[in-house]
N, C-alpha and C. Protein backbone atom coordinates (compact mmCIF):
# COMPACT_ATOMS: atom_id res chain seq x y z
N MET A 1 15.37 79.39 194.02
CA MET A 1 14.96 81.15 193.96
C MET A 1 14.72 80.95 195.44
N ILE A 2 14.82 82.03 196.24
CA ILE A 2 13.96 82.29 197.81
C ILE A 2 13.31 83.63 197.74
N ILE A 3 11.76 83.37 197.74
CA ILE A 3 11.04 84.26 197.88
C ILE A 3 10.76 84.78 199.46
N ALA A 4 10.40 86.10 200.00
CA ALA A 4 9.95 86.11 201.43
C ALA A 4 8.59 85.79 201.22
N GLY A 5 7.84 85.20 202.09
CA GLY A 5 6.10 84.52 202.13
C GLY A 5 5.44 85.52 201.90
N ASP A 6 5.57 86.91 202.40
CA ASP A 6 4.40 88.16 201.93
C ASP A 6 4.38 88.39 200.64
N LEU A 7 5.82 88.37 200.05
CA LEU A 7 6.07 88.90 198.27
C LEU A 7 5.32 87.34 197.75
N LEU A 8 5.57 86.44 198.28
CA LEU A 8 5.26 85.22 197.39
C LEU A 8 3.45 85.30 197.23
N ASP A 9 2.94 85.88 198.46
CA ASP A 9 1.46 85.73 198.15
C ASP A 9 0.92 86.92 197.34
N GLU A 10 1.92 87.96 197.01
CA GLU A 10 1.37 88.90 196.29
C GLU A 10 1.81 88.54 194.71
N LEU A 11 2.81 87.93 194.46
CA LEU A 11 3.34 87.47 193.28
C LEU A 11 2.40 86.39 192.51
N GLY A 12 1.96 85.30 193.48
CA GLY A 12 1.28 84.20 193.03
C GLY A 12 2.60 83.08 192.40
N SER A 13 2.29 82.48 191.14
CA SER A 13 3.19 81.33 190.89
C SER A 13 4.56 82.36 190.00
N VAL A 14 5.60 82.01 190.53
CA VAL A 14 6.77 82.93 189.47
C VAL A 14 7.55 81.59 188.85
N ASN A 15 7.99 82.06 188.09
CA ASN A 15 8.63 81.33 186.72
C ASN A 15 10.08 82.01 186.44
N VAL A 16 10.85 81.28 186.62
CA VAL A 16 11.94 81.49 186.07
C VAL A 16 12.58 81.08 184.75
N ASP A 17 13.61 81.71 184.02
CA ASP A 17 13.75 80.94 182.64
C ASP A 17 15.21 81.71 182.49
N PHE A 18 16.39 80.57 181.95
CA PHE A 18 17.10 81.40 181.23
C PHE A 18 16.79 81.09 180.04
N ARG A 19 17.48 82.64 179.21
CA ARG A 19 17.48 82.56 177.65
C ARG A 19 18.63 82.88 177.01
N ASP A 20 18.66 82.31 176.45
CA ASP A 20 20.34 82.60 175.39
C ASP A 20 19.96 82.57 174.01
N SER A 21 19.89 83.92 173.26
CA SER A 21 20.15 84.50 172.06
C SER A 21 21.01 84.72 171.67
N VAL A 22 20.87 85.70 170.43
CA VAL A 22 22.23 86.19 169.62
C VAL A 22 21.92 87.83 170.16
N TRP A 23 20.88 87.71 170.54
CA TRP A 23 20.63 89.49 170.66
C TRP A 23 20.69 89.52 172.31
N ARG A 24 20.48 88.49 173.22
CA ARG A 24 20.51 88.83 174.84
C ARG A 24 20.23 87.60 175.33
N SER A 25 21.07 87.37 176.82
CA SER A 25 20.76 86.16 177.45
C SER A 25 20.73 86.45 178.93
N GLY A 26 20.24 85.72 179.57
CA GLY A 26 19.89 86.01 181.00
C GLY A 26 19.23 85.03 181.42
N PHE A 27 18.48 85.51 182.65
CA PHE A 27 17.51 85.20 183.26
C PHE A 27 16.07 86.07 183.38
N SER A 28 15.28 85.16 183.12
CA SER A 28 13.83 85.96 182.74
C SER A 28 12.73 85.43 183.88
N ILE A 29 12.61 86.97 184.71
CA ILE A 29 11.53 86.04 185.86
C ILE A 29 10.43 86.56 185.72
N SER A 30 9.08 85.59 185.82
CA SER A 30 8.02 86.48 185.86
C SER A 30 7.14 85.72 186.55
N SER A 31 5.78 86.81 187.26
CA SER A 31 4.93 86.11 188.03
C SER A 31 3.34 86.30 186.95
N SER A 32 2.70 85.17 187.89
CA SER A 32 0.90 84.86 187.43
C SER A 32 0.69 86.08 187.79
N LYS A 33 0.84 87.30 188.83
CA LYS A 33 -0.07 88.39 189.05
C LYS A 33 1.16 89.85 188.59
N SER A 34 0.16 90.59 188.31
CA SER A 34 1.13 91.86 188.30
C SER A 34 1.07 92.55 188.95
N LEU A 35 2.19 93.33 189.31
CA LEU A 35 2.57 94.06 190.29
C LEU A 35 2.60 95.43 190.15
N LYS A 36 1.83 96.28 191.20
CA LYS A 36 1.65 97.57 191.03
C LYS A 36 2.77 98.68 191.63
N GLY A 37 3.60 99.10 190.64
CA GLY A 37 4.43 100.14 191.32
C GLY A 37 5.45 101.28 190.41
N SER A 38 6.08 101.87 190.75
CA SER A 38 6.63 103.04 190.03
C SER A 38 7.19 102.81 188.81
N GLY A 39 7.06 101.57 187.98
CA GLY A 39 7.31 101.43 186.95
C GLY A 39 9.40 101.56 186.34
N GLY A 40 9.97 102.13 187.50
CA GLY A 40 11.03 102.63 187.68
C GLY A 40 11.97 101.39 187.00
N GLY A 41 11.70 99.82 187.22
CA GLY A 41 12.43 99.05 187.09
C GLY A 41 13.10 98.28 188.66
N GLY A 42 14.28 97.35 188.13
CA GLY A 42 14.93 97.07 189.44
C GLY A 42 16.07 95.91 188.96
N CYS A 43 16.81 95.86 189.88
CA CYS A 43 17.98 94.73 189.54
C CYS A 43 17.99 93.58 190.86
N CYS A 44 18.05 92.60 190.64
CA CYS A 44 18.25 91.44 191.38
C CYS A 44 19.67 91.58 192.22
């Protein structure tokens, strides 16, 4: 995964995990720091 340097400073450590279950499968991306935003969600 490539993350811009200035964004990485805001995110802290980033964890990328692939989950596969009966209900849902896909990538889960989380960071050690919480980002403040509009809460509208987004897509990669």
